[in-house]
Protein backbone atom coordinates (compact mmCIF):
# COMPACT_ATOMS: atom_id res chain seq x y z
CA MET A 1 4.48 -4.19 -22.24
CA ILE A 2 4.03 -7.76 -21.17
CA PRO A 3 2.75 -10.55 -23.46
CA LEU A 4 -0.58 -12.12 -22.51
CA THR A 5 -0.66 -15.55 -20.94
CA GLU A 6 -2.69 -18.23 -22.70
CA ALA A 7 -5.50 -17.77 -20.15
CA GLN A 8 -5.52 -14.00 -20.69
CA GLN A 9 -5.68 -14.50 -24.45
CA GLY A 10 -8.81 -16.59 -23.92
CA LEU A 11 -10.40 -13.90 -21.76
CA TRP A 12 -9.51 -11.24 -24.32
CA ALA A 13 -11.11 -13.33 -27.08
CA GLN A 14 -14.27 -13.69 -24.99
CA GLY A 15 -14.33 -9.93 -24.50
CA ILE A 16 -14.25 -9.13 -28.21
CA LEU A 17 -17.11 -11.54 -28.89
CA GLY A 18 -19.43 -9.14 -27.15
CA PRO A 19 -20.83 -8.22 -23.76
CA GLU A 20 -22.79 -11.44 -23.34
CA ALA A 21 -19.68 -13.59 -23.70
CA ALA A 22 -17.64 -11.30 -21.45
CA ARG A 23 -20.29 -11.47 -18.69
CA ALA A 24 -19.55 -15.17 -18.22
CA PHE A 25 -16.61 -14.12 -16.02
CA HIS A 26 -18.36 -11.45 -13.97
CA LEU A 27 -19.38 -12.21 -10.42
CA ALA A 28 -21.90 -9.89 -8.83
CA TYR A 29 -22.72 -9.55 -5.18
CA THR A 30 -24.11 -6.95 -2.85
CA VAL A 31 -22.51 -5.66 0.31
CA GLU A 32 -24.76 -3.95 2.81
CA MET A 33 -23.03 -1.41 4.98
CA ARG A 34 -24.57 0.10 8.08
CA GLY A 35 -23.65 3.25 9.90
CA PRO A 36 -22.06 6.41 8.64
CA TYR A 37 -20.23 6.27 5.33
CA ASP A 38 -16.82 7.92 5.16
CA HIS A 39 -16.17 8.55 1.48
CA ALA A 40 -12.57 9.67 2.06
CA ALA A 41 -11.75 6.55 4.08
CA MET A 42 -13.26 4.30 1.39
CA LYS A 43 -11.25 6.07 -1.28
CA ARG A 44 -8.02 5.63 0.71
CA ALA A 45 -8.79 1.94 1.30
CA LEU A 46 -9.47 1.27 -2.39
CA LYS A 47 -6.29 3.10 -3.40
CA ALA A 48 -4.28 1.04 -0.89
CA VAL A 49 -5.69 -2.26 -2.18
CA THR A 50 -5.12 -1.22 -5.80
CA ALA A 51 -1.54 -0.21 -5.01
CA ARG A 52 -0.80 -3.66 -3.54
CA HIS A 53 -2.34 -5.77 -6.31
CA GLU A 54 -1.04 -5.49 -9.87
CA ALA A 55 -4.03 -7.43 -11.19
CA LEU A 56 -6.28 -4.51 -10.24
CA ARG A 57 -4.08 -2.13 -12.24
CA THR A 58 -3.68 -4.32 -15.33
CA SER A 59 -5.34 -3.62 -18.65
CA LEU A 60 -5.11 -5.34 -22.03
CA GLN A 61 -4.22 -3.63 -25.28
CA ASP A 62 -7.19 -3.32 -27.65
CA ASP A 63 -5.57 -5.69 -30.12
CA GLY A 64 -4.88 -8.34 -27.45
CA SER A 65 -1.14 -8.22 -28.03
CA SER A 66 -0.05 -7.40 -24.50
CA GLN A 67 -0.96 -6.19 -21.04
CA VAL A 68 -0.01 -2.98 -19.33
CA ILE A 69 0.28 -2.55 -15.55
CA ALA A 70 -0.47 1.00 -14.44
CA ARG A 71 1.77 2.62 -11.86
CA GLU A 72 0.73 2.73 -8.25
CA GLY A 73 -1.12 5.85 -7.22
């Protein structure tokens, strides 16, 4: 387990205050795709991106004490 940075501690604190406070850090946007959708290709692409970026595999402990980075795959 890895200790949280000061910035992560702040985000964790926002998260426990409730959904309204946590939403302050959410960015929403829409992507319109045209043409045939290949579910398997999208799944492979998302797995590849997740495998390359630890931030997408990182979660915080419920008590805010540390972060855990899931294994690739």
